[in-house]
Amino acid sequence: MTIKCEYCQIPGAYGNLIYETEYWQIYLAPSQRYFGTCVVVLKRHSGNLRELKSEEWADFSEIVEKLENTLNKAFTPTLFNWSCFMNSAYRTNPPNPEVHWHFIPRYNRKIEFEGLIFEDPDFGFIPLPIEHKIPENVMVKLMDEIKRHL
């Protein structure tokens, strides 16, 4: 039985591709509850972190630095959360986890972008998985602003 990645089969599931390296792809997440949230996806299938190769870890380390510096230049978040939960993969049988990281900028203040106000009402606590879609034209401008600083 061949198991296919739940996300790789759904166009746009991770969001819009904004950057890639030899081993990883960076997407602007479809939900922007936390302004500037991205998803960093390993280009090959891997179900857990222990399977990552040293060159993939090294590349990921450079992405962490690049994304944090980029968002600092563009929007000056207060801090960054990184998560690799993979819990949703176990809601189906058989489970099919896929290594990907959620990059979540956090702000202790309101952010205004393109006429929209973004707030982080649970700042200082674990991010909540509450979807917040923004208009497509604002998503495009956000992608452009992040790309400009990458």
C-alpha atoms as a PDB file:
ATOM      1  CA  MET A   1       0.000   0.000   0.000  1.00  0.00           C
ATOM      2  CA  THR A   2       1.405   3.391  -1.008  1.00  0.00           C
ATOM      3  CA  ILE A   3       0.577   6.203   1.383  1.00  0.00           C
ATOM      4  CA  LYS A   4       0.511   9.672  -0.114  1.00  0.00           C
ATOM      5  CA  CYS A   5       1.090  12.854   1.786  1.00  0.00           C
ATOM      6  CA  GLU A   6      -2.191  14.440   2.810  1.00  0.00           C
ATOM      7  CA  TYR A   7      -0.928  17.924   1.953  1.00  0.00           C
ATOM      8  CA  CYS A   8       1.163  17.210  -1.150  1.00  0.00           C
ATOM      9  CA  GLN A   9      -1.992  16.024  -2.893  1.00  0.00           C
ATOM     10  CA  ILE A  10      -3.965  19.205  -2.209  1.00  0.00           C
ATOM     11  CA  PRO A  11      -2.895  22.246  -4.240  1.00  0.00           C
ATOM     12  CA  GLY A  12      -2.461  25.240  -1.957  1.00  0.00           C
ATOM     13  CA  ALA A  13      -2.857  23.256   1.281  1.00  0.00           C
ATOM     14  CA  TYR A  14       0.250  24.842   2.770  1.00  0.00           C
ATOM     15  CA  GLY A  15      -0.500  28.220   1.211  1.00  0.00           C
ATOM     16  CA  ASN A  16       1.407  30.168  -1.426  1.00  0.00           C
ATOM     17  CA  LEU A  17       5.028  29.293  -2.158  1.00  0.00           C
ATOM     18  CA  ILE A  18       7.269  32.276  -1.417  1.00  0.00           C
ATOM     19  CA  TYR A  19      10.773  30.778  -1.266  1.00  0.00           C
ATOM     20  CA  GLU A  20      12.645  27.521  -1.519  1.00  0.00           C
ATOM     21  CA  THR A  21      16.038  26.021  -0.875  1.00  0.00           C
ATOM     22  CA  GLU A  22      17.550  22.712  -1.900  1.00  0.00           C
ATOM     23  CA  TYR A  23      15.657  20.841   0.847  1.00  0.00           C
ATOM     24  CA  TRP A  24      12.770  23.036   2.003  1.00  0.00           C
ATOM     25  CA  GLN A  25       9.894  25.135   0.668  1.00  0.00           C
ATOM     26  CA  ILE A  26       8.450  28.152   2.476  1.00  0.00           C
ATOM     27  CA  TYR A  27       4.770  28.982   2.074  1.00  0.00           C
ATOM     28  CA  LEU A  28       2.740  31.910   3.321  1.00  0.00           C
ATOM     29  CA  ALA A  29       0.099  30.118   5.376  1.00  0.00           C
ATOM     30  CA  PRO A  30      -3.544  30.375   4.270  1.00  0.00           C
ATOM     31  CA  SER A  31      -4.537  31.447   7.791  1.00  0.00           C
ATOM     32  CA  GLN A  32      -3.074  34.711   9.028  1.00  0.00           C
ATOM     33  CA  ARG A  33      -4.424  34.764  12.584  1.00  0.00           C
ATOM     34  CA  TYR A  34      -0.816  35.407  13.534  1.00  0.00           C
ATOM     35  CA  PHE A  35       0.380  37.970  11.012  1.00  0.00           C
ATOM     36  CA  GLY A  36       3.173  36.634   8.795  1.00  0.00           C
ATOM     37  CA  THR A  37       2.639  32.943   9.594  1.00  0.00           C
ATOM     38  CA  CYS A  38       4.479  30.632   7.215  1.00  0.00           C
ATOM     39  CA  VAL A  39       4.808  26.880   6.760  1.00  0.00           C
ATOM     40  CA  VAL A  40       8.241  25.380   6.080  1.00  0.00           C
ATOM     41  CA  VAL A  41       7.940  22.011   4.317  1.00  0.00           C
ATOM     42  CA  LEU A  42      10.583  19.374   3.674  1.00  0.00           C
ATOM     43  CA  LYS A  43      10.720  18.642  -0.067  1.00  0.00           C
ATOM     44  CA  ARG A  44      10.924  14.877   0.411  1.00  0.00           C
ATOM     45  CA  HIS A  45       8.524  12.740   2.410  1.00  0.00           C
ATOM     46  CA  SER A  46       9.596  12.145   5.988  1.00  0.00           C
ATOM     47  CA  GLY A  47       7.275  11.138   8.782  1.00  0.00           C
ATOM     48  CA  ASN A  48       9.439  12.264  11.695  1.00  0.00           C
ATOM     49  CA  LEU A  49      12.302  14.534  12.644  1.00  0.00           C
ATOM     50  CA  ARG A  50      14.745  11.735  13.433  1.00  0.00           C
ATOM     51  CA  GLU A  51      14.841  10.870   9.706  1.00  0.00           C
ATOM     52  CA  LEU A  52      16.200  14.292   8.730  1.00  0.00           C
ATOM     53  CA  LYS A  53      19.686  14.276   7.274  1.00  0.00           C
ATOM     54  CA  SER A  54      22.402  16.580   8.601  1.00  0.00           C
ATOM     55  CA  GLU A  55      22.337  18.690   5.426  1.00  0.00           C
ATOM     56  CA  GLU A  56      18.534  19.130   5.815  1.00  0.00           C
ATOM     57  CA  TRP A  57      19.041  20.295   9.419  1.00  0.00           C
ATOM     58  CA  ALA A  58      21.788  22.689   8.320  1.00  0.00           C
ATOM     59  CA  ASP A  59      19.552  24.091   5.579  1.00  0.00           C
ATOM     60  CA  PHE A  60      16.663  24.414   8.043  1.00  0.00           C
ATOM     61  CA  SER A  61      18.925  26.349  10.418  1.00  0.00           C
ATOM     62  CA  GLU A  62      19.618  28.858   7.638  1.00  0.00           C
ATOM     63  CA  ILE A  63      15.879  29.156   6.964  1.00  0.00           C
ATOM     64  CA  VAL A  64      15.222  29.935  10.642  1.00  0.00           C
ATOM     65  CA  GLU A  65      17.745  32.763  10.495  1.00  0.00           C
ATOM     66  CA  LYS A  66      16.477  34.010   7.120  1.00  0.00           C
ATOM     67  CA  LEU A  67      12.776  34.011   8.087  1.00  0.00           C
ATOM     68  CA  GLU A  68      13.311  35.614  11.470  1.00  0.00           C
ATOM     69  CA  ASN A  69      15.553  38.323   9.978  1.00  0.00           C
ATOM     70  CA  THR A  70      13.066  38.891   7.152  1.00  0.00           C
ATOM     71  CA  LEU A  71      10.073  39.365   9.447  1.00  0.00           C
ATOM     72  CA  ASN A  72      12.123  41.529  11.802  1.00  0.00           C
ATOM     73  CA  LYS A  73      12.939  43.864   8.909  1.00  0.00           C
ATOM     74  CA  ALA A  74       9.384  43.907   7.573  1.00  0.00           C
ATOM     75  CA  PHE A  75       7.190  43.958  10.702  1.00  0.00           C
ATOM     76  CA  THR A  76       9.313  43.726  13.899  1.00  0.00           C
ATOM     77  CA  PRO A  77       7.461  40.935  15.729  1.00  0.00           C
ATOM     78  CA  THR A  78       8.070  40.622  19.453  1.00  0.00           C
ATOM     79  CA  LEU A  79       9.040  36.941  19.201  1.00  0.00           C
ATOM     80  CA  PHE A  80       8.752  33.862  17.000  1.00  0.00           C
ATOM     81  CA  ASN A  81       7.125  30.501  17.677  1.00  0.00           C
ATOM     82  CA  TRP A  82       8.159  27.395  15.742  1.00  0.00           C
ATOM     83  CA  SER A  83       6.078  24.226  15.913  1.00  0.00           C
ATOM     84  CA  CYS A  84       6.231  20.795  14.354  1.00  0.00           C
ATOM     85  CA  PHE A  85       3.225  19.028  15.869  1.00  0.00           C
ATOM     86  CA  MET A  86       2.007  16.731  13.056  1.00  0.00           C
ATOM     87  CA  ASN A  87      -1.017  15.785  15.210  1.00  0.00           C
ATOM     88  CA  SER A  88      -3.562  16.046  12.402  1.00  0.00           C
ATOM     89  CA  ALA A  89      -1.826  13.186  10.556  1.00  0.00           C
ATOM     90  CA  TYR A  90      -3.066  10.852  13.286  1.00  0.00           C
ATOM     91  CA  ARG A  91      -6.721  11.733  12.843  1.00  0.00           C
ATOM     92  CA  THR A  92      -6.925   9.217   9.996  1.00  0.00           C
ATOM     93  CA  ASN A  93      -6.086   5.553   9.791  1.00  0.00           C
ATOM     94  CA  PRO A  94      -3.435   4.838   8.702  1.00  0.00           C
ATOM     95  CA  PRO A  95      -1.718   8.032   9.831  1.00  0.00           C
ATOM     96  CA  ASN A  96       0.643   9.721   7.394  1.00  0.00           C
ATOM     97  CA  PRO A  97       2.738  12.379   9.145  1.00  0.00           C
ATOM     98  CA  GLU A  98       4.728  14.818   7.036  1.00  0.00           C
ATOM     99  CA  VAL A  99       7.586  16.903   8.458  1.00  0.00           C
ATOM    100  CA  HIS A 100       6.723  20.576   8.257  1.00  0.00           C
ATOM    101  CA  TRP A 101       7.195  23.519  10.583  1.00  0.00           C
ATOM    102  CA  HIS A 102       4.803  26.318  11.448  1.00  0.00           C
ATOM    103  CA  PHE A 103       6.623  29.641  11.716  1.00  0.00           C
ATOM    104  CA  ILE A 104       4.467  31.943  13.823  1.00  0.00           C
ATOM    105  CA  PRO A 105       5.472  35.556  14.450  1.00  0.00           C
ATOM    106  CA  ARG A 106       3.949  36.910  17.656  1.00  0.00           C
ATOM    107  CA  TYR A 107       3.209  40.544  18.476  1.00  0.00           C
ATOM    108  CA  ASN A 108       2.543  42.242  21.798  1.00  0.00           C
ATOM    109  CA  ARG A 109       0.850  45.079  19.927  1.00  0.00           C
ATOM    110  CA  LYS A 110      -1.616  45.668  17.104  1.00  0.00           C
ATOM    111  CA  ILE A 111      -0.254  45.511  13.559  1.00  0.00           C
ATOM    112  CA  GLU A 112      -1.849  47.497  10.733  1.00  0.00           C
ATOM    113  CA  PHE A 113      -1.290  46.271   7.176  1.00  0.00           C
ATOM    114  CA  GLU A 114      -3.205  47.326   4.077  1.00  0.00           C
ATOM    115  CA  GLY A 115      -6.007  48.789   6.176  1.00  0.00           C
ATOM    116  CA  LEU A 116      -6.473  45.637   8.289  1.00  0.00           C
ATOM    117  CA  ILE A 117      -5.707  45.383  11.991  1.00  0.00           C
ATOM    118  CA  PHE A 118      -4.046  42.199  13.275  1.00  0.00           C
ATOM    119  CA  GLU A 119      -4.096  41.467  16.990  1.00  0.00           C
ATOM    120  CA  ASP A 120      -2.637  38.619  19.027  1.00  0.00           C
ATOM    121  CA  PRO A 121      -5.151  38.240  21.875  1.00  0.00           C
ATOM    122  CA  ASP A 122      -3.355  35.202  23.294  1.00  0.00           C
ATOM    123  CA  PHE A 123       0.147  36.703  23.190  1.00  0.00           C
ATOM    124  CA  GLY A 124       2.393  34.936  25.696  1.00  0.00           C
ATOM    125  CA  PHE A 125       0.435  31.687  25.385  1.00  0.00           C
ATOM    126  CA  ILE A 126       0.380  28.749  22.973  1.00  0.00           C
ATOM    127  CA  PRO A 127      -0.989  29.799  19.559  1.00  0.00           C
ATOM    128  CA  LEU A 128      -4.577  28.706  19.019  1.00  0.00           C
ATOM    129  CA  PRO A 129      -5.555  26.923  15.786  1.00  0.00           C
ATOM    130  CA  ILE A 130      -8.252  29.421  14.857  1.00  0.00           C
ATOM    131  CA  GLU A 131      -8.443  30.095  11.131  1.00  0.00           C
ATOM    132  CA  HIS A 132      -8.307  33.690   9.959  1.00  0.00           C
ATOM    133  CA  LYS A 133      -8.449  34.215   6.202  1.00  0.00           C
ATOM    134  CA  ILE A 134      -7.636  37.615   4.792  1.00  0.00           C
ATOM    135  CA  PRO A 135      -8.596  39.029   1.383  1.00  0.00           C
ATOM    136  CA  GLU A 136      -6.553  37.666  -1.517  1.00  0.00           C
ATOM    137  CA  ASN A 137      -5.258  41.120  -2.495  1.00  0.00           C
ATOM    138  CA  VAL A 138      -3.871  41.570   1.040  1.00  0.00           C
ATOM    139  CA  MET A 139      -2.302  38.078   0.913  1.00  0.00           C
ATOM    140  CA  VAL A 140      -0.550  39.037  -2.336  1.00  0.00           C
ATOM    141  CA  LYS A 141       0.779  42.268  -0.809  1.00  0.00           C
ATOM    142  CA  LEU A 142       1.920  40.400   2.308  1.00  0.00           C
ATOM    143  CA  MET A 143       3.723  37.822   0.132  1.00  0.00           C
ATOM    144  CA  ASP A 144       5.366  40.627  -1.847  1.00  0.00           C
ATOM    145  CA  GLU A 145       6.496  42.390   1.328  1.00  0.00           C
ATOM    146  CA  ILE A 146       8.015  39.195   2.765  1.00  0.00           C
ATOM    147  CA  LYS A 147       9.707  38.336  -0.549  1.00  0.00           C
ATOM    148  CA  ARG A 148      11.115  41.858  -0.731  1.00  0.00           C
ATOM    149  CA  HIS A 149      13.021  41.257   2.516  1.00  0.00           C
ATOM    150  CA  LEU A 150      14.066  37.636   1.894  1.00  0.00           C
END
